[in-house]
Amino acid sequence: MRKTNLRGRDFSESDRRTVKFISSFLTDIGVPRHYSGHVYFTYALFLVKENPDSLHHVTKEVYPVVADKFGISPLNVERNMRNALEAAWRKNDILRYPELFISSYLKTDARPSNTEFMNAVMEMIDFMDEGKRL
């Protein structure tokens, strides 16, 4: 049975579990659910999980696909994701998972870029996924 989620995309049961896991993980590390950037990060991370090479070309491959899906510009996708990440960084909830970020981020107030954040989250998701299927 296929259901629709994230504005019209058909998802298999496995896809829905993956999206739910990614969204819950983002919430757990402090990315506010009420920010549109949370939804964009969720969809972007789902896309990256399907095609890990796209993480190397976020501005050319990921942002445009997310933008098309939600009917906004790639620039707005990047900005909304950045705002959600900044909110999580300000609350310091994200620092409950120091293994996500290299020590240089923990020693300064500098937050990671969207791409660095997505890379760290994907590494953590892949690590958590070892031994079990999402």
N, C-alpha and C. Protein backbone atom coordinates (compact mmCIF):
# COMPACT_ATOMS: atom_id res chain seq x y z
N MET A 1 0.84 -1.18 0.00
CA MET A 1 0.00 0.00 0.00
C MET A 1 0.89 1.24 0.00
N ARG A 2 0.60 2.18 -0.87
CA ARG A 2 1.37 3.40 -0.95
C ARG A 2 0.54 4.55 -0.42
N LYS A 3 1.18 5.39 0.35
CA LYS A 3 0.52 6.58 0.87
C LYS A 3 1.30 7.79 0.42
N THR A 4 0.65 8.94 0.48
CA THR A 4 1.27 10.17 0.05
C THR A 4 1.72 10.97 1.27
N ASN A 5 2.87 11.57 1.15
CA ASN A 5 3.43 12.38 2.23
C ASN A 5 4.33 13.42 1.60
N LEU A 6 4.79 14.37 2.38
CA LEU A 6 5.68 15.42 1.89
C LEU A 6 5.19 16.01 0.57
N ARG A 7 3.99 16.50 0.63
CA ARG A 7 3.37 17.23 -0.49
C ARG A 7 3.27 16.43 -1.79
N GLY A 8 2.67 15.28 -1.70
CA GLY A 8 2.29 14.59 -2.92
C GLY A 8 3.16 13.45 -3.38
N ARG A 9 4.32 13.24 -2.82
CA ARG A 9 5.16 12.14 -3.27
C ARG A 9 4.60 10.82 -2.75
N ASP A 10 4.58 9.82 -3.60
CA ASP A 10 4.14 8.49 -3.17
C ASP A 10 5.29 7.82 -2.44
N PHE A 11 4.98 7.30 -1.26
CA PHE A 11 5.97 6.63 -0.44
C PHE A 11 5.55 5.19 -0.18
N SER A 12 6.52 4.30 -0.23
CA SER A 12 6.28 2.93 0.21
C SER A 12 6.30 2.93 1.73
N GLU A 13 5.96 1.82 2.32
CA GLU A 13 6.00 1.70 3.78
C GLU A 13 7.42 1.95 4.29
N SER A 14 8.39 1.42 3.60
CA SER A 14 9.79 1.62 3.98
C SER A 14 10.18 3.10 3.89
N ASP A 15 9.75 3.77 2.82
CA ASP A 15 10.02 5.20 2.66
C ASP A 15 9.41 6.00 3.81
N ARG A 16 8.17 5.66 4.17
CA ARG A 16 7.51 6.39 5.25
C ARG A 16 8.22 6.19 6.58
N ARG A 17 8.70 4.97 6.83
CA ARG A 17 9.48 4.73 8.06
C ARG A 17 10.75 5.56 8.06
N THR A 18 11.41 5.63 6.90
CA THR A 18 12.64 6.40 6.79
C THR A 18 12.38 7.88 7.03
N VAL A 19 11.35 8.43 6.40
CA VAL A 19 11.01 9.84 6.56
C VAL A 19 10.65 10.13 8.02
N LYS A 20 9.87 9.25 8.62
CA LYS A 20 9.49 9.44 10.02
C LYS A 20 10.72 9.40 10.93
N PHE A 21 11.62 8.46 10.66
CA PHE A 21 12.84 8.36 11.46
C PHE A 21 13.68 9.62 11.32
N ILE A 22 13.87 10.10 10.10
CA ILE A 22 14.67 11.31 9.86
C ILE A 22 14.04 12.51 10.57
N SER A 23 12.72 12.67 10.43
CA SER A 23 12.03 13.79 11.06
C SER A 23 12.16 13.72 12.59
N SER A 24 11.97 12.53 13.14
CA SER A 24 12.10 12.36 14.60
C SER A 24 13.51 12.64 15.07
N PHE A 25 14.48 12.19 14.29
CA PHE A 25 15.88 12.42 14.66
C PHE A 25 16.19 13.91 14.65
N LEU A 26 15.73 14.62 13.63
CA LEU A 26 15.95 16.06 13.57
C LEU A 26 15.32 16.76 14.78
N THR A 27 14.13 16.33 15.15
CA THR A 27 13.46 16.90 16.32
C THR A 27 14.26 16.59 17.58
N ASP A 28 14.74 15.36 17.71
CA ASP A 28 15.53 14.97 18.88
C ASP A 28 16.78 15.80 19.06
N ILE A 29 17.39 16.19 17.96
CA ILE A 29 18.62 16.98 18.09
C ILE A 29 18.35 18.47 18.11
N GLY A 30 17.07 18.84 18.15
CA GLY A 30 16.72 20.23 18.40
C GLY A 30 16.28 21.07 17.23
N VAL A 31 16.14 20.49 16.04
CA VAL A 31 15.65 21.26 14.90
C VAL A 31 14.14 21.42 15.09
N PRO A 32 13.67 22.67 15.27
CA PRO A 32 12.26 22.88 15.60
C PRO A 32 11.32 22.41 14.48
N ARG A 33 10.32 21.63 14.87
CA ARG A 33 9.35 21.09 13.91
C ARG A 33 8.53 22.19 13.23
N HIS A 34 8.30 23.30 13.92
CA HIS A 34 7.45 24.33 13.36
C HIS A 34 8.17 25.21 12.34
N TYR A 35 9.45 25.00 12.13
CA TYR A 35 10.19 25.71 11.08
C TYR A 35 10.03 24.95 9.77
N SER A 36 9.78 25.66 8.70
CA SER A 36 9.67 24.98 7.41
C SER A 36 10.98 24.30 7.04
N GLY A 37 12.09 24.82 7.55
CA GLY A 37 13.39 24.19 7.30
C GLY A 37 13.45 22.77 7.81
N HIS A 38 12.67 22.44 8.84
CA HIS A 38 12.63 21.07 9.35
C HIS A 38 12.10 20.13 8.27
N VAL A 39 11.01 20.53 7.62
CA VAL A 39 10.42 19.72 6.55
C VAL A 39 11.39 19.62 5.38
N TYR A 40 12.05 20.74 5.04
CA TYR A 40 12.99 20.73 3.92
C TYR A 40 14.20 19.86 4.23
N PHE A 41 14.71 19.94 5.47
CA PHE A 41 15.82 19.06 5.86
C PHE A 41 15.39 17.60 5.78
N THR A 42 14.18 17.31 6.25
CA THR A 42 13.69 15.93 6.22
C THR A 42 13.67 15.40 4.79
N TYR A 43 13.09 16.18 3.89
CA TYR A 43 13.00 15.73 2.49
C TYR A 43 14.39 15.67 1.86
N ALA A 44 15.23 16.65 2.13
CA ALA A 44 16.59 16.67 1.58
C ALA A 44 17.39 15.45 2.07
N LEU A 45 17.27 15.14 3.34
CA LEU A 45 17.99 13.98 3.88
C LEU A 45 17.45 12.68 3.31
N PHE A 46 16.15 12.62 3.08
CA PHE A 46 15.57 11.45 2.43
C PHE A 46 16.16 11.30 1.02
N LEU A 47 16.25 12.40 0.28
CA LEU A 47 16.83 12.35 -1.06
C LEU A 47 18.29 11.91 -1.02
N VAL A 48 19.03 12.44 -0.04
CA VAL A 48 20.44 12.08 0.09
C VAL A 48 20.58 10.61 0.47
N LYS A 49 19.68 10.11 1.30
CA LYS A 49 19.73 8.69 1.67
C LYS A 49 19.52 7.82 0.44
N GLU A 50 18.64 8.25 -0.47
CA GLU A 50 18.40 7.52 -1.71
C GLU A 50 19.58 7.63 -2.68
N ASN A 51 20.25 8.79 -2.66
CA ASN A 51 21.37 9.04 -3.58
C ASN A 51 22.48 9.77 -2.82
N PRO A 52 23.34 9.03 -2.12
CA PRO A 52 24.37 9.67 -1.29
C PRO A 52 25.31 10.61 -2.05
N ASP A 53 25.52 10.38 -3.34
CA ASP A 53 26.40 11.26 -4.11
C ASP A 53 25.84 12.68 -4.24
N SER A 54 24.53 12.84 -4.07
CA SER A 54 23.94 14.17 -4.19
C SER A 54 24.40 15.10 -3.07
N LEU A 55 24.93 14.55 -1.99
CA LEU A 55 25.42 15.37 -0.89
C LEU A 55 26.62 16.22 -1.32
N HIS A 56 27.29 15.79 -2.37
CA HIS A 56 28.44 16.55 -2.88
C HIS A 56 28.02 17.71 -3.77
N HIS A 57 26.75 17.75 -4.12
CA HIS A 57 26.24 18.79 -5.03
C HIS A 57 24.90 19.31 -4.51
N VAL A 58 24.88 19.71 -3.26
CA VAL A 58 23.62 20.10 -2.61
C VAL A 58 22.96 21.26 -3.34
N THR A 59 23.71 22.30 -3.67
CA THR A 59 23.08 23.47 -4.29
C THR A 59 22.57 23.18 -5.70
N LYS A 60 23.16 22.23 -6.39
CA LYS A 60 22.73 21.95 -7.76
C LYS A 60 21.79 20.77 -7.87
N GLU A 61 21.80 19.87 -6.89
CA GLU A 61 20.98 18.67 -7.00
C GLU A 61 19.88 18.57 -5.94
N VAL A 62 20.19 18.94 -4.71
CA VAL A 62 19.23 18.73 -3.63
C VAL A 62 18.27 19.91 -3.49
N TYR A 63 18.81 21.13 -3.34
CA TYR A 63 17.95 22.30 -3.15
C TYR A 63 16.92 22.46 -4.27
N PRO A 64 17.32 22.31 -5.56
CA PRO A 64 16.31 22.47 -6.62
C PRO A 64 15.18 21.43 -6.56
N VAL A 65 15.51 20.19 -6.19
CA VAL A 65 14.48 19.16 -6.10
C VAL A 65 13.53 19.46 -4.95
N VAL A 66 14.08 19.86 -3.82
CA VAL A 66 13.24 20.23 -2.67
C VAL A 66 12.39 21.44 -3.03
N ALA A 67 13.00 22.42 -3.70
CA ALA A 67 12.26 23.63 -4.09
C ALA A 67 11.11 23.29 -5.03
N ASP A 68 11.35 22.44 -6.01
CA ASP A 68 10.29 22.03 -6.93
C ASP A 68 9.16 21.33 -6.19
N LYS A 69 9.53 20.48 -5.24
CA LYS A 69 8.53 19.73 -4.48
C LYS A 69 7.61 20.64 -3.69
N PHE A 70 8.17 21.72 -3.13
CA PHE A 70 7.39 22.59 -2.26
C PHE A 70 6.99 23.91 -2.91
N GLY A 71 7.32 24.08 -4.19
CA GLY A 71 6.88 25.25 -4.92
C GLY A 71 7.53 26.56 -4.49
N ILE A 72 8.80 26.49 -4.10
CA ILE A 72 9.54 27.69 -3.71
C ILE A 72 10.88 27.69 -4.45
N SER A 73 11.67 28.72 -4.23
CA SER A 73 12.96 28.79 -4.91
C SER A 73 14.03 28.03 -4.12
N PRO A 74 15.07 27.55 -4.81
CA PRO A 74 16.18 26.89 -4.10
C PRO A 74 16.81 27.80 -3.04
N LEU A 75 16.86 29.09 -3.30
CA LEU A 75 17.40 30.04 -2.33
C LEU A 75 16.58 30.04 -1.04
N ASN A 76 15.24 29.97 -1.18
CA ASN A 76 14.38 29.91 0.00
C ASN A 76 14.56 28.60 0.76
N VAL A 77 14.78 27.51 0.04
CA VAL A 77 15.05 26.22 0.69
C VAL A 77 16.29 26.34 1.56
N GLU A 78 17.36 26.86 0.97
CA GLU A 78 18.64 26.99 1.70
C GLU A 78 18.45 27.90 2.91
N ARG A 79 17.79 29.02 2.74
CA ARG A 79 17.61 29.98 3.83
C ARG A 79 16.77 29.39 4.96
N ASN A 80 15.67 28.73 4.62
CA ASN A 80 14.82 28.14 5.65
C ASN A 80 15.52 27.02 6.39
N MET A 81 16.32 26.24 5.68
CA MET A 81 17.09 25.19 6.34
C MET A 81 18.14 25.81 7.28
N ARG A 82 18.78 26.85 6.80
CA ARG A 82 19.79 27.55 7.63
C ARG A 82 19.15 28.13 8.88
N ASN A 83 17.97 28.74 8.74
CA ASN A 83 17.28 29.30 9.90
C ASN A 83 16.92 28.23 10.92
N ALA A 84 16.45 27.08 10.46
CA ALA A 84 16.11 25.99 11.38
C ALA A 84 17.36 25.47 12.08
N LEU A 85 18.45 25.36 11.35
CA LEU A 85 19.71 24.91 11.95
C LEU A 85 20.22 25.93 12.96
N GLU A 86 20.12 27.21 12.63
CA GLU A 86 20.54 28.26 13.57
C GLU A 86 19.72 28.22 14.85
N ALA A 87 18.42 27.96 14.73
CA ALA A 87 17.57 27.88 15.91
C ALA A 87 17.98 26.71 16.79
N ALA A 88 18.26 25.58 16.18
CA ALA A 88 18.72 24.42 16.95
C ALA A 88 20.07 24.70 17.60
N TRP A 89 20.94 25.35 16.87
CA TRP A 89 22.28 25.66 17.39
C TRP A 89 22.18 26.63 18.57
N ARG A 90 21.31 27.64 18.45
CA ARG A 90 21.14 28.61 19.54
C ARG A 90 20.62 27.95 20.82
N LYS A 91 19.71 27.00 20.67
CA LYS A 91 19.14 26.33 21.84
C LYS A 91 20.14 25.36 22.48
N ASN A 92 21.20 25.04 21.78
CA ASN A 92 22.22 24.10 22.24
C ASN A 92 21.71 22.69 22.40
N ASP A 93 20.49 22.39 21.97
CA ASP A 93 20.01 21.02 22.02
C ASP A 93 20.86 20.12 21.14
N ILE A 94 21.34 20.68 20.08
CA ILE A 94 22.11 19.93 19.11
C ILE A 94 23.41 19.39 19.73
N LEU A 95 23.88 20.07 20.76
CA LEU A 95 25.14 19.67 21.38
C LEU A 95 24.97 18.46 22.30
N ARG A 96 23.74 17.97 22.43
CA ARG A 96 23.55 16.71 23.16
C ARG A 96 24.14 15.55 22.37
N TYR A 97 24.43 15.77 21.12
CA TYR A 97 25.00 14.75 20.25
C TYR A 97 26.37 15.22 19.75
N PRO A 98 27.35 15.34 20.64
CA PRO A 98 28.65 15.87 20.22
C PRO A 98 29.33 15.00 19.17
N GLU A 99 28.97 13.73 19.11
CA GLU A 99 29.58 12.85 18.11
C GLU A 99 29.18 13.25 16.69
N LEU A 100 28.14 14.07 16.55
CA LEU A 100 27.73 14.53 15.22
C LEU A 100 28.70 15.54 14.63
N PHE A 101 29.38 16.27 15.50
CA PHE A 101 30.15 17.39 15.00
C PHE A 101 31.59 17.32 15.46
N ILE A 102 32.48 17.67 14.57
CA ILE A 102 33.89 17.65 14.93
C ILE A 102 34.15 18.67 16.03
N SER A 103 35.19 18.44 16.78
CA SER A 103 35.45 19.25 17.97
C SER A 103 35.59 20.74 17.68
N SER A 104 35.99 21.10 16.48
CA SER A 104 36.16 22.53 16.19
C SER A 104 34.84 23.28 16.31
N TYR A 105 33.72 22.63 16.00
CA TYR A 105 32.43 23.30 16.16
C TYR A 105 32.06 23.44 17.62
N LEU A 106 32.46 22.46 18.41
CA LEU A 106 32.10 22.49 19.82
C LEU A 106 32.92 23.52 20.59
N LYS A 107 34.06 23.91 20.06
CA LYS A 107 34.93 24.87 20.74
C LYS A 107 34.62 26.31 20.36
N THR A 108 33.81 26.49 19.37
CA THR A 108 33.48 27.84 18.92
C THR A 108 31.98 27.99 18.85
N ASP A 109 31.54 29.20 18.57
CA ASP A 109 30.11 29.43 18.39
C ASP A 109 29.67 29.17 16.96
N ALA A 110 30.64 28.84 16.10
CA ALA A 110 30.32 28.64 14.69
C ALA A 110 29.49 27.37 14.51
N ARG A 111 28.40 27.50 13.81
CA ARG A 111 27.59 26.33 13.52
C ARG A 111 28.04 25.75 12.18
N PRO A 112 27.75 24.47 11.94
CA PRO A 112 28.10 23.89 10.64
C PRO A 112 27.21 24.46 9.54
N SER A 113 27.69 24.35 8.32
CA SER A 113 26.85 24.75 7.18
C SER A 113 25.74 23.71 7.01
N ASN A 114 24.77 24.01 6.18
CA ASN A 114 23.69 23.06 5.92
C ASN A 114 24.25 21.73 5.40
N THR A 115 25.20 21.82 4.48
CA THR A 115 25.79 20.61 3.90
C THR A 115 26.56 19.82 4.95
N GLU A 116 27.35 20.50 5.77
CA GLU A 116 28.09 19.81 6.83
C GLU A 116 27.13 19.15 7.81
N PHE A 117 26.05 19.85 8.14
CA PHE A 117 25.05 19.31 9.04
C PHE A 117 24.41 18.06 8.43
N MET A 118 24.00 18.15 7.16
CA MET A 118 23.37 17.00 6.50
C MET A 118 24.33 15.82 6.44
N ASN A 119 25.60 16.09 6.18
CA ASN A 119 26.59 15.03 6.14
C ASN A 119 26.71 14.36 7.50
N ALA A 120 26.79 15.15 8.57
CA ALA A 120 26.90 14.61 9.92
C ALA A 120 25.66 13.80 10.30
N VAL A 121 24.49 14.33 9.97
CA VAL A 121 23.25 13.62 10.28
C VAL A 121 23.17 12.31 9.49
N MET A 122 23.55 12.33 8.22
CA MET A 122 23.51 11.10 7.42
C MET A 122 24.48 10.06 7.97
N GLU A 123 25.65 10.50 8.42
CA GLU A 123 26.58 9.55 9.03
C GLU A 123 25.98 8.93 10.28
N MET A 124 25.32 9.74 11.09
CA MET A 124 24.70 9.24 12.32
C MET A 124 23.54 8.31 11.98
N ILE A 125 22.73 8.67 11.01
CA ILE A 125 21.60 7.81 10.61
C ILE A 125 22.12 6.49 10.07
N ASP A 126 23.15 6.53 9.24
CA ASP A 126 23.73 5.30 8.71
C ASP A 126 24.29 4.44 9.84
N PHE A 127 24.93 5.08 10.82
CA PHE A 127 25.47 4.35 11.97
C PHE A 127 24.33 3.69 12.76
N MET A 128 23.26 4.45 12.99
CA MET A 128 22.12 3.92 13.74
C MET A 128 21.39 2.84 12.96
N ASP A 129 21.47 2.92 11.63
CA ASP A 129 20.79 1.99 10.75
C ASP A 129 21.52 0.65 10.64
N GLU A 130 22.80 0.63 11.02
CA GLU A 130 23.56 -0.62 10.92
C GLU A 130 22.89 -1.68 11.78
N GLY A 131 22.65 -2.82 11.19
CA GLY A 131 22.04 -3.90 11.94
C GLY A 131 20.52 -3.89 11.94
N LYS A 132 19.92 -2.79 11.49
CA LYS A 132 18.45 -2.76 11.39
C LYS A 132 18.08 -1.95 10.17
N ARG A 133 16.98 -2.23 9.60
CA ARG A 133 16.50 -1.51 8.43
C ARG A 133 15.47 -0.49 8.87
N LEU A 134 15.59 0.72 8.33
CA LEU A 134 14.55 1.74 8.61
C LEU A 134 13.28 1.37 7.90
